[in-house]
Amino acid sequence: MVKIAQVFNNNSALVNLGDKRQAIVKGKGIAFGKSKGADIDTDRIEKIFYLNTKESQQNLYFLMKDIPIDVVTTTYEIIDYAKRKFNYNVLDYVYITLSDHIYGAYQRFLADTYTESVVPDMSNQYPREYLIASYGLDVINKNLNVDFPESEMKSIALHFINAKGEESKEGKLNKKQTIDINKVVKDVLGQNNIIRFDDNANYYDRFMIHLQYLAGRLDTPSKDNDKLNEKLESEMMKAYPKSFDIAKNIYEQLQLKLDKKLSGNELLYFIIHIQRLTQEKANN
């Protein structure tokens, strides 16, 4: 038997496993009529997602602020599959970025404003990531009762491409690098009249989280994807010219400031984050 730390809904809960370890458990009616401190019958657990690090627990609490638990557990199910099936190592922040993406797409689907991704197909370069994304799309459609097109796999795969890697064993980020990165980014955003306000706070804060983890990745850079795929870069430049220019400026300034070579995938994610911010700014 395990103890409930928090009930999410009738079918899912956060549980304590001992030694300060926690996990999310799912099962039909598993938490029905239960409250914090109650026992859960382990025989009724259909899925379990372990929170093995302090960072993974913090990420969960961050997500729970504004993302429905069904979206969160769907995200965990996809990432768990990637780890088990393909031994695919990802940085912890993918839980935040992928949950945020799924929830945004879900909201647009319900509002009938969903549009297919402009990201070109990269399945030849990233076959494992697309296999993960194919499974992920099936899980999303089933769990959230939606019907996203196959093109949604491109966006899902992109999150795994960008987050591939292992967390620093030290578990600590370089504070000076984080400060330098934030200053460069905030200066460039400010020059383009992009600032944090209530309506864009979620997007802005998620961009800052991405940058925090960027600092952690600098000491263990990937040998892959030093340059952004030319076709992908061209497509993004055509689709989001203003965001592309701002992102490219940040990308180049960071490399000069840090005297480090950044992956082309970082440029891609800068574009995506900034497009969200500029779109929100335009809407307001």
Protein backbone atom coordinates (compact mmCIF):
# COMPACT_ATOMS: atom_id res chain seq x y z
CA MET A 1 0.00 0.00 0.00
CA VAL A 2 1.13 3.56 -0.70
CA LYS A 3 -0.08 6.82 0.82
CA ILE A 4 -1.80 9.59 -1.11
CA ALA A 5 0.01 12.94 -1.09
CA GLN A 6 -2.57 14.68 -3.29
CA VAL A 7 -5.73 13.61 -5.10
CA PHE A 8 -5.96 14.96 -8.65
CA ASN A 9 -9.25 13.36 -9.65
CA ASN A 10 -11.05 10.03 -9.27
CA ASN A 11 -8.55 8.30 -11.55
CA SER A 12 -5.18 9.81 -10.59
CA ALA A 13 -3.21 10.91 -7.55
CA LEU A 14 0.23 11.83 -6.30
CA VAL A 15 1.60 9.25 -3.86
CA ASN A 16 4.48 9.02 -1.41
CA LEU A 17 6.78 6.04 -1.88
CA GLY A 18 9.08 6.62 1.11
CA ASP A 19 12.57 8.16 1.28
CA LYS A 20 11.06 11.43 -0.05
CA ARG A 21 10.22 9.73 -3.35
CA GLN A 22 6.93 10.38 -5.12
CA ALA A 23 5.03 9.15 -8.16
CA ILE A 24 1.87 9.87 -10.12
CA VAL A 25 -0.47 6.89 -10.29
CA LYS A 26 -3.42 6.32 -12.62
CA GLY A 27 -6.19 3.75 -12.52
CA LYS A 28 -9.95 3.71 -12.97
CA GLY A 29 -11.54 5.01 -9.77
CA ILE A 30 -8.25 4.60 -7.92
CA ALA A 31 -8.68 7.77 -5.84
CA PHE A 32 -12.48 7.88 -5.69
CA GLY A 33 -13.66 9.01 -2.25
CA LYS A 34 -10.09 9.21 -0.95
CA SER A 35 -8.10 12.09 0.52
CA LYS A 36 -4.54 12.94 1.52
CA GLY A 37 -2.99 10.28 3.75
CA ALA A 38 -5.28 7.49 2.58
CA ASP A 39 -3.92 4.20 1.26
CA ILE A 40 -4.15 3.24 -2.41
CA ASP A 41 -4.51 -0.37 -3.44
CA THR A 42 -1.47 -1.02 -5.63
CA ASP A 43 -3.36 -3.77 -7.50
CA ARG A 44 -5.55 -1.05 -9.02
CA ILE A 45 -2.65 1.00 -10.39
CA GLU A 46 -2.69 0.88 -14.19
CA LYS A 47 0.13 3.37 -14.81
CA ILE A 48 2.80 4.86 -12.58
CA PHE A 49 5.13 7.76 -13.37
CA TYR A 50 8.05 8.16 -10.98
CA LEU A 51 9.30 11.57 -9.85
CA ASN A 52 12.85 10.54 -9.11
CA THR A 53 14.43 13.96 -8.59
CA LYS A 54 13.63 17.13 -6.69
CA GLU A 55 13.51 18.94 -10.03
CA SER A 56 10.90 16.55 -11.41
CA GLN A 57 8.73 17.14 -8.33
CA GLN A 58 9.11 20.91 -8.71
CA ASN A 59 8.20 20.65 -12.38
CA LEU A 60 5.00 18.83 -11.47
CA TYR A 61 3.96 21.54 -9.01
CA PHE A 62 4.75 24.20 -11.60
CA LEU A 63 2.60 22.42 -14.20
CA MET A 64 -0.29 21.92 -11.82
CA LYS A 65 -0.70 25.68 -11.45
CA ASP A 66 -2.36 26.13 -14.81
CA ILE A 67 -2.41 22.85 -16.77
CA PRO A 68 -5.15 20.22 -16.25
CA ILE A 69 -4.02 16.96 -14.71
CA ASP A 70 -5.22 14.93 -17.73
CA VAL A 71 -2.78 16.88 -19.92
CA VAL A 72 0.01 16.49 -17.36
CA THR A 73 -0.42 12.73 -17.02
CA THR A 74 -0.65 12.39 -20.80
CA THR A 75 2.71 14.16 -21.06
CA TYR A 76 4.24 11.87 -18.45
CA GLU A 77 2.91 8.82 -20.29
CA ILE A 78 4.58 9.90 -23.54
CA ILE A 79 7.92 10.68 -21.91
CA ASP A 80 7.82 7.46 -19.90
CA TYR A 81 7.32 5.54 -23.15
CA ALA A 82 10.33 7.27 -24.73
CA LYS A 83 12.51 6.32 -21.79
CA ARG A 84 11.33 2.71 -21.54
CA LYS A 85 11.03 1.81 -25.21
CA PHE A 86 14.01 3.68 -26.64
CA ASN A 87 16.13 4.37 -23.56
CA TYR A 88 15.78 7.98 -24.64
CA ASN A 89 17.34 10.42 -22.17
CA VAL A 90 15.66 13.82 -21.90
CA LEU A 91 16.22 16.88 -19.76
CA ASP A 92 13.59 17.45 -17.10
CA TYR A 93 12.31 20.68 -18.61
CA VAL A 94 10.65 18.70 -21.43
CA TYR A 95 7.83 17.91 -18.98
CA ILE A 96 7.06 21.64 -18.92
CA THR A 97 7.53 22.40 -22.60
CA LEU A 98 5.63 19.36 -23.87
CA SER A 99 2.75 19.83 -21.40
CA ASP A 100 2.51 23.47 -22.38
CA HIS A 101 2.44 22.57 -26.07
CA ILE A 102 -0.19 19.84 -25.68
CA TYR A 103 -2.44 22.09 -23.59
CA GLY A 104 -2.13 24.96 -26.04
CA ALA A 105 -2.95 22.71 -28.99
CA TYR A 106 -5.85 21.20 -27.03
CA GLN A 107 -7.30 24.63 -26.29
CA ARG A 108 -7.01 25.69 -29.92
CA PHE A 109 -8.63 22.43 -31.03
CA LEU A 110 -11.62 23.04 -28.75
CA ALA A 111 -11.89 26.66 -29.93
CA ASP A 112 -11.72 25.52 -33.56
CA THR A 113 -8.61 27.68 -34.12
CA TYR A 114 -6.12 24.83 -34.42
CA THR A 115 -3.79 25.05 -37.42
CA GLU A 116 -1.27 22.49 -38.58
CA SER A 117 2.39 23.04 -37.80
CA VAL A 118 4.60 24.80 -40.34
CA VAL A 119 7.60 22.78 -39.15
CA PRO A 120 8.87 20.65 -42.05
CA ASP A 121 9.04 16.88 -41.79
CA MET A 122 12.37 15.74 -40.30
CA SER A 123 11.57 12.05 -39.84
CA ASN A 124 14.55 10.98 -41.98
CA GLN A 125 16.96 12.80 -39.67
CA TYR A 126 15.20 11.85 -36.43
CA PRO A 127 13.50 8.44 -36.83
CA ARG A 128 13.40 7.60 -33.10
CA GLU A 129 11.87 10.92 -32.19
CA TYR A 130 9.15 10.44 -34.80
CA LEU A 131 8.37 6.95 -33.52
CA ILE A 132 7.97 8.46 -30.05
CA ALA A 133 5.81 11.22 -31.51
CA SER A 134 3.62 8.71 -33.34
CA TYR A 135 2.91 6.91 -30.08
CA GLY A 136 2.44 10.27 -28.36
CA LEU A 137 -0.15 11.40 -30.87
CA ASP A 138 -2.19 8.25 -30.27
CA VAL A 139 -2.01 8.78 -26.50
CA ILE A 140 -3.08 12.43 -26.79
CA ASN A 141 -6.01 11.65 -29.07
CA LYS A 142 -7.17 8.83 -26.79
CA ASN A 143 -6.66 10.49 -23.40
CA LEU A 144 -8.00 13.91 -24.34
CA ASN A 145 -10.69 12.70 -26.74
CA VAL A 146 -9.42 14.81 -29.65
CA ASP A 147 -8.44 14.06 -33.22
CA PHE A 148 -5.21 15.86 -34.06
CA PRO A 149 -3.87 15.28 -37.58
CA GLU A 150 -0.69 13.28 -38.21
CA SER A 151 1.19 16.54 -38.82
CA GLU A 152 1.03 17.13 -35.05
CA MET A 153 3.77 14.49 -34.76
CA LYS A 154 6.25 17.06 -36.10
CA SER A 155 5.66 19.34 -33.13
CA ILE A 156 5.80 16.49 -30.61
CA ALA A 157 9.03 15.16 -32.11
CA LEU A 158 10.53 18.64 -31.94
CA HIS A 159 10.24 18.69 -28.16
CA PHE A 160 12.22 15.45 -27.87
CA ILE A 161 14.82 16.60 -30.38
CA ASN A 162 15.40 19.76 -28.37
CA ALA A 163 15.37 18.13 -24.92
CA LYS A 164 17.62 15.16 -25.69
CA GLY A 165 20.37 14.81 -23.12
CA GLU A 166 21.11 13.99 -19.51
CA GLU A 167 20.80 16.18 -16.45
CA SER A 168 24.03 17.41 -14.92
CA LYS A 169 25.18 14.98 -12.23
CA GLU A 170 26.04 17.95 -10.04
CA GLY A 171 22.41 19.02 -10.24
CA LYS A 172 23.36 22.69 -10.10
CA LEU A 173 23.30 25.30 -12.82
CA ASN A 174 26.08 27.82 -13.41
CA LYS A 175 24.71 30.91 -11.70
CA LYS A 176 26.89 33.41 -13.57
CA GLN A 177 26.01 31.90 -16.95
CA THR A 178 22.32 32.02 -16.06
CA ILE A 179 22.59 35.70 -15.15
CA ASP A 180 24.50 36.47 -18.36
CA ILE A 181 21.97 34.59 -20.49
CA ASN A 182 18.97 36.29 -18.88
CA LYS A 183 20.52 39.73 -19.29
CA VAL A 184 21.25 39.24 -22.99
CA VAL A 185 17.77 37.89 -23.68
CA LYS A 186 15.91 40.52 -21.66
CA ASP A 187 17.92 43.31 -23.29
CA VAL A 188 17.07 42.10 -26.81
CA LEU A 189 13.41 41.51 -25.91
CA GLY A 190 13.22 44.98 -24.37
CA GLN A 191 14.69 46.55 -27.50
CA ASN A 192 11.77 44.97 -29.36
CA ASN A 193 9.19 46.15 -26.81
CA ILE A 194 8.59 42.63 -25.49
CA ILE A 195 8.16 42.71 -21.72
CA ARG A 196 6.45 40.52 -19.15
CA PHE A 197 2.85 41.42 -18.30
CA ASP A 198 -0.10 39.51 -16.87
CA ASP A 199 -1.45 38.19 -20.18
CA ASN A 200 1.86 36.81 -21.43
CA ALA A 201 3.29 35.77 -18.06
CA ASN A 202 3.01 32.02 -18.76
CA TYR A 203 4.83 32.24 -22.10
CA TYR A 204 7.44 34.63 -20.73
CA ASP A 205 8.13 32.48 -17.65
CA ARG A 206 8.42 29.33 -19.76
CA PHE A 207 10.98 31.05 -21.95
CA MET A 208 12.97 31.95 -18.83
CA ILE A 209 12.81 28.31 -17.68
CA HIS A 210 14.12 27.19 -21.08
CA LEU A 211 17.01 29.62 -20.66
CA GLN A 212 17.75 28.35 -17.17
CA TYR A 213 18.15 24.83 -18.50
CA LEU A 214 20.21 26.16 -21.40
CA ALA A 215 22.80 27.24 -18.84
CA GLY A 216 22.85 23.71 -17.51
CA ARG A 217 23.39 22.26 -20.99
CA LEU A 218 26.39 24.41 -21.88
CA ASP A 219 28.84 22.17 -20.01
CA THR A 220 27.65 19.05 -21.84
CA PRO A 221 26.95 20.21 -25.38
CA SER A 222 25.51 17.83 -27.94
CA LYS A 223 27.66 16.92 -30.90
CA ASP A 224 24.54 16.68 -33.03
CA ASN A 225 22.66 19.44 -34.76
CA ASP A 226 25.31 22.17 -34.51
CA LYS A 227 23.47 23.95 -37.30
CA LEU A 228 19.78 24.29 -37.81
CA ASN A 229 18.53 22.25 -40.75
CA GLU A 230 18.59 24.60 -43.76
CA LYS A 231 15.09 23.70 -44.89
CA LEU A 232 13.74 24.16 -41.39
CA GLU A 233 15.53 27.50 -40.98
CA SER A 234 14.12 28.72 -44.29
CA GLU A 235 10.59 27.64 -43.35
CA MET A 236 10.74 29.35 -39.97
CA MET A 237 12.17 32.54 -41.48
CA LYS A 238 9.30 32.71 -43.97
CA ALA A 239 6.60 31.85 -41.45
CA TYR A 240 7.80 34.09 -38.61
CA PRO A 241 10.16 36.76 -40.02
CA LYS A 242 10.08 39.14 -37.03
CA SER A 243 10.43 36.39 -34.43
CA PHE A 244 13.20 34.83 -36.51
CA ASP A 245 15.19 38.08 -36.56
CA ILE A 246 14.83 38.58 -32.80
CA ALA A 247 15.74 34.96 -32.09
CA LYS A 248 18.76 35.07 -34.40
CA ASN A 249 19.96 38.22 -32.64
CA ILE A 250 19.66 36.53 -29.23
CA TYR A 251 21.30 33.35 -30.55
CA GLU A 252 24.33 35.21 -31.92
CA GLN A 253 24.72 37.51 -28.92
CA LEU A 254 24.63 34.59 -26.51
CA GLN A 255 27.39 32.78 -28.39
CA LEU A 256 29.55 35.91 -28.24
CA LYS A 257 28.82 36.58 -24.58
CA LEU A 258 29.34 33.01 -23.42
CA ASP A 259 32.05 32.11 -25.92
CA LYS A 260 30.15 28.85 -26.52
CA LYS A 261 28.68 27.22 -29.61
CA LEU A 262 24.93 26.72 -29.23
CA SER A 263 23.01 23.94 -30.93
CA GLY A 264 20.88 24.89 -33.90
CA ASN A 265 17.94 23.48 -31.98
CA GLU A 266 18.31 26.34 -29.49
CA LEU A 267 17.69 28.83 -32.30
CA LEU A 268 14.59 26.91 -33.26
CA TYR A 269 13.19 27.05 -29.76
CA PHE A 270 14.05 30.73 -29.40
CA ILE A 271 11.93 31.35 -32.50
CA ILE A 272 9.00 29.36 -31.12
CA HIS A 273 9.09 31.07 -27.72
CA ILE A 274 9.43 34.55 -29.20
CA GLN A 275 6.66 33.94 -31.71
CA ARG A 276 4.35 33.17 -28.80
CA LEU A 277 5.38 36.37 -27.06
CA THR A 278 5.08 38.58 -30.14
CA GLN A 279 1.73 37.02 -31.03
CA GLU A 280 0.46 37.67 -27.50
CA LYS A 281 1.75 41.23 -27.71
CA ALA A 282 -0.07 41.73 -31.02
CA ASN A 283 -3.28 40.34 -29.56
CA ASN A 284 -3.11 42.86 -26.75
